[in-house]
C-alpha cells in the first residue's frame, strides 16, 4: 500500500537506481572518455544498496574496485515525460551515494562493446547515506561533495560542475523510463576516482550536511 511507504527508507522498497555516467567533464577526461553531449545512463538493481554499518564487499572477479562519490536524487512523485520546469516538484530529497565500480571489468566490457552490468550492478555497489529532506539542500546545483580513503582526500567537487542539471536529467530520463516514488538517480561523480583495497575505510560527505563511513571487505567464498 503506497501510503505505508516511508520515503526516508527509500532503499528498502525503491524499485530502481538510475545512474548518470560522465556527468562531470574532468572525470570523463581522467578516464580518457569523450565528454558526452547527452546523458549516459545505466542501471543498478535495489540489491546494490548498502547502508552504514555493513561493509562494501569487493567482488571476487575484480582487482581494481574504484570509489565514485555522488549526489543521489530521491524521487517522491512519479511521472513520465516530466517537463524540466516541473522536475523539482518530483524530488522528495537527496542522499549521499557511492557508485562502486569494478574498473578493470568495466574496461574489458567497453573494449568488447558489452554492457557494464558486471562492473556496476553487483551487491553493495551502491552505498547510501540516510535520507536528506529536500529543504536541507535548498540549492542542489551548488553542493560540495568529498571523499577520503583512510583519511586521505581523494575526491572534492561541486555539483555546479555537472554537465547536465538535475531538472534536465529528471526530464530526460522520464521521457523513456517512468520515474516512480522511491527511485534514486545518481547524478555522476567529480574527478579523483581511485582504487580501494580490502580493510580500507571510506568516508564521504556533503559539506555542512552529513558524512558517512564504510569499510571495504573482500567477499568470502
Protein backbone atom coordinates (compact mmCIF):
# COMPACT_ATOMS: atom_id res chain seq x y z
CA UNK A 1 0.00 0.00 0.00
CA UNK A 2 1.65 3.23 -1.17
CA UNK A 3 0.60 5.22 1.90
CA UNK A 4 2.56 2.85 4.16
CA UNK A 5 5.83 3.60 2.37
CA UNK A 6 8.31 5.75 4.24
CA UNK A 7 10.32 7.79 1.70
CA UNK A 8 13.09 8.24 4.28
CA UNK A 9 13.76 4.50 3.91
CA UNK A 10 13.60 4.50 0.11
CA UNK A 11 16.38 1.89 -0.14
CA UNK A 12 14.08 -0.74 1.41
CA UNK A 13 11.38 -0.54 -1.26
CA UNK A 14 12.51 1.69 -4.15
CA UNK A 15 12.46 -0.26 -7.40
CA UNK A 16 15.40 1.11 -9.38
CA UNK A 17 18.62 3.08 -9.32
CA UNK A 18 19.29 5.10 -12.47
CA UNK A 19 22.90 6.24 -12.80
CA UNK A 20 24.34 9.01 -14.96
CA UNK A 21 27.83 8.36 -16.31
CA UNK A 22 30.45 11.01 -17.09
CA UNK A 23 28.38 13.95 -15.86
CA UNK A 24 31.48 15.87 -14.76
CA UNK A 25 33.83 16.80 -17.62
CA UNK A 26 37.01 16.39 -15.53
CA UNK A 27 36.01 12.85 -14.56
CA UNK A 28 35.32 11.94 -18.20
CA UNK A 29 38.77 13.27 -19.10
CA UNK A 30 40.59 11.45 -16.28
CA UNK A 31 39.27 8.15 -17.68
CA UNK A 32 40.14 9.30 -21.21
CA UNK A 33 36.49 9.33 -22.26
CA UNK A 34 34.82 11.87 -24.50
CA UNK A 35 32.71 14.49 -22.74
CA UNK A 36 29.10 13.45 -23.52
CA UNK A 37 26.66 15.59 -25.45
CA UNK A 38 23.68 13.77 -23.93
CA UNK A 39 23.39 11.78 -20.68
CA UNK A 40 24.92 8.30 -20.50
CA UNK A 41 22.67 6.10 -18.38
CA UNK A 42 22.99 2.72 -16.72
CA UNK A 43 21.06 0.90 -14.00
CA UNK A 44 21.76 -0.73 -10.66
CA UNK A 45 19.27 -3.12 -9.02
CA UNK A 46 17.94 -2.43 -5.50
CA UNK A 47 20.15 -5.29 -4.26
CA UNK A 48 23.11 -2.91 -4.82
CA UNK A 49 22.09 -0.82 -1.79
CA UNK A 50 24.20 -1.00 1.36
CA UNK A 51 23.87 1.17 4.46
CA UNK A 52 26.36 2.35 7.06
CA UNK A 53 27.25 -0.43 9.47
CA UNK A 54 27.53 -3.01 6.69
CA UNK A 55 30.67 -3.30 4.55
CA UNK A 56 31.29 -2.71 0.87
CA UNK A 57 32.19 -6.15 -0.50
CA UNK A 58 34.78 -6.41 -3.27
CA UNK A 59 33.51 -8.90 -5.89
CA UNK A 60 35.74 -11.93 -6.41
CA UNK A 61 36.21 -11.10 -10.10
CA UNK A 62 37.79 -7.63 -9.73
CA UNK A 63 41.20 -6.44 -8.63
CA UNK A 64 40.52 -2.73 -9.31
CA UNK A 65 37.47 -1.52 -7.38
CA UNK A 66 37.02 2.27 -7.56
CA UNK A 67 35.01 4.73 -5.47
CA UNK A 68 32.81 7.40 -7.08
CA UNK A 69 31.07 9.85 -4.72
CA UNK A 70 27.77 11.23 -6.00
CA UNK A 71 24.70 13.22 -5.03
CA UNK A 72 21.64 10.99 -5.24
CA UNK A 73 18.18 12.38 -6.01
CA UNK A 74 15.27 10.54 -4.38
CA UNK A 75 12.04 10.68 -6.38
CA UNK A 76 8.94 11.42 -4.30
CA UNK A 77 6.35 11.69 -7.06
CA UNK A 78 6.43 9.53 -10.15
CA UNK A 79 5.86 10.59 -13.70
CA UNK A 80 6.52 10.15 -17.41
CA UNK A 81 7.73 12.89 -19.79
CA UNK A 82 8.19 15.34 -16.92
CA UNK A 83 8.86 18.91 -18.14
CA UNK A 84 12.10 20.44 -16.86
CA UNK A 85 10.11 23.31 -15.37
CA UNK A 86 8.21 20.87 -13.13
CA UNK A 87 11.03 18.42 -12.43
CA UNK A 88 11.93 19.57 -8.92
CA UNK A 89 8.32 19.01 -7.78
CA UNK A 90 9.04 15.28 -8.23
CA UNK A 91 12.03 15.34 -5.84
CA UNK A 92 11.43 14.21 -2.25
CA UNK A 93 15.01 14.65 -1.10
CA UNK A 94 18.56 13.50 -1.55
CA UNK A 95 21.17 11.00 -0.40
CA UNK A 96 24.92 10.88 -0.47
CA UNK A 97 25.88 7.85 -2.56
CA UNK A 98 28.87 5.91 -3.79
CA UNK A 99 28.90 4.28 -7.20
CA UNK A 100 31.38 1.45 -6.61
CA UNK A 101 32.86 0.38 -9.92
CA UNK A 102 34.95 -2.64 -10.91
CA UNK A 103 37.12 -0.56 -13.24
CA UNK A 104 39.07 -3.47 -14.74
CA UNK A 105 35.82 -5.22 -15.63
CA UNK A 106 34.32 -2.00 -17.00
CA UNK A 107 37.37 -1.51 -19.24
CA UNK A 108 37.07 -5.09 -20.50
CA UNK A 109 33.36 -4.63 -21.23
CA UNK A 110 33.96 -1.33 -23.03
CA UNK A 111 36.72 -2.83 -25.20
CA UNK A 112 34.35 -5.62 -26.27
CA UNK A 113 31.34 -3.35 -26.75
CA UNK A 114 29.49 -5.12 -23.93
CA UNK A 115 27.22 -3.69 -21.18
CA UNK A 116 28.78 -2.57 -17.88
CA UNK A 117 26.48 -4.60 -15.62
CA UNK A 118 29.22 -6.77 -14.05
CA UNK A 119 31.21 -3.62 -13.28
CA UNK A 120 28.42 -1.55 -11.78
CA UNK A 121 25.47 -3.60 -10.51
CA UNK A 122 26.94 -6.11 -8.03
CA UNK A 123 25.80 -6.41 -4.40
CA UNK A 124 26.95 -3.45 -2.23
CA UNK A 125 27.82 -1.35 -5.31
CA UNK A 126 25.55 1.48 -4.11
CA UNK A 127 26.36 2.61 -0.55
CA UNK A 128 23.88 5.29 0.56
CA UNK A 129 23.55 7.72 3.45
CA UNK A 130 20.46 8.49 5.43
CA UNK A 131 17.70 10.28 3.51
CA UNK A 132 18.25 14.05 3.29
CA UNK A 133 14.99 16.05 3.23
CA UNK A 134 14.67 18.43 0.28
CA UNK A 135 14.72 21.50 2.49
CA UNK A 136 18.17 20.57 3.84
CA UNK A 137 19.68 21.13 0.38
CA UNK A 138 17.98 24.30 -0.88
CA UNK A 139 20.23 24.53 -3.96
CA UNK A 140 21.21 21.09 -5.32
CA UNK A 141 23.15 22.78 -8.13
CA UNK A 142 25.71 24.05 -5.61
CA UNK A 143 26.54 21.12 -3.33
CA UNK A 144 30.13 20.35 -2.32
CA UNK A 145 30.98 16.62 -2.23
CA UNK A 146 34.13 14.98 -0.91
CA UNK A 147 35.54 11.53 -0.28
CA UNK A 148 38.51 10.31 1.77
CA UNK A 149 40.19 6.90 1.78
CA UNK A 150 41.93 6.17 5.09
CA UNK A 151 41.75 9.89 5.91
CA UNK A 152 43.37 10.97 2.63
CA UNK A 153 41.27 13.27 0.45
CA UNK A 154 40.68 11.68 -2.96
CA UNK A 155 37.63 13.45 -4.37
CA UNK A 156 36.42 17.00 -3.90
CA UNK A 157 33.94 18.65 -6.24
CA UNK A 158 30.75 20.63 -6.57
CA UNK A 159 27.50 19.81 -8.33
CA UNK A 160 27.87 23.17 -10.13
CA UNK A 161 30.41 21.28 -12.29
CA UNK A 162 27.77 18.86 -13.61
CA UNK A 163 27.27 18.87 -17.37
CA UNK A 164 23.55 18.04 -17.11
CA UNK A 165 21.46 19.61 -14.35
CA UNK A 166 19.12 17.69 -12.06
CA UNK A 167 15.92 19.09 -13.69
CA UNK A 168 17.29 18.20 -17.12
CA UNK A 169 18.18 14.66 -16.01
CA UNK A 170 14.75 14.05 -14.45
CA UNK A 171 13.03 15.25 -17.64
CA UNK A 172 15.38 13.33 -19.95
CA UNK A 173 15.13 10.04 -18.06
CA UNK A 174 11.35 10.26 -17.64
CA UNK A 175 10.88 10.51 -21.40
CA UNK A 176 11.64 6.79 -21.72
CA UNK A 177 11.80 5.38 -18.17
CA UNK A 178 8.80 6.16 -16.00
CA UNK A 179 10.07 7.50 -12.70
CA UNK A 180 8.41 6.04 -9.62
CA UNK A 181 8.28 7.04 -5.98
CA UNK A 182 11.36 5.72 -4.21
CA UNK A 183 13.57 5.65 -7.31
CA UNK A 184 17.12 7.00 -6.93
CA UNK A 185 19.03 8.94 -9.58
CA UNK A 186 22.82 9.03 -9.19
CA UNK A 187 23.99 12.26 -10.80
CA UNK A 188 27.63 11.49 -11.60
CA UNK A 189 31.00 11.86 -9.88
CA UNK A 190 33.69 14.54 -9.82
CA UNK A 191 37.30 13.72 -10.71
CA UNK A 192 39.64 11.89 -8.34
CA UNK A 193 38.31 8.33 -8.53
CA UNK A 194 40.83 5.73 -7.40
CA UNK A 195 41.13 2.13 -6.28
CA UNK A 196 40.23 0.85 -2.82
CA UNK A 197 41.64 -2.21 -1.06
CA UNK A 198 40.34 -4.67 1.49
CA UNK A 199 40.28 -3.09 5.01
CA UNK A 200 40.22 0.49 3.64
CA UNK A 201 37.89 2.97 5.31
CA UNK A 202 35.91 5.29 3.06
CA UNK A 203 34.48 8.49 4.47
CA UNK A 204 32.33 10.70 2.27
CA UNK A 205 30.45 13.90 2.90
CA UNK A 206 28.22 16.66 1.68
CA UNK A 207 29.69 19.84 3.13
CA UNK A 208 27.62 21.19 6.06
CA UNK A 209 25.00 18.42 5.65
CA UNK A 210 26.30 14.94 6.57
CA UNK A 211 29.11 12.40 6.42
CA UNK A 212 29.09 8.62 6.12
CA UNK A 213 31.71 5.91 6.65
CA UNK A 214 32.09 2.46 5.08
CA UNK A 215 34.65 -0.31 5.48
CA UNK A 216 35.80 -2.36 2.50
CA UNK A 217 35.85 -6.15 2.84
CA UNK A 218 36.52 -8.88 0.30
CA UNK A 219 33.66 -11.23 -0.47
CA UNK A 220 34.33 -14.63 1.10
CA UNK A 221 33.90 -17.78 -0.96
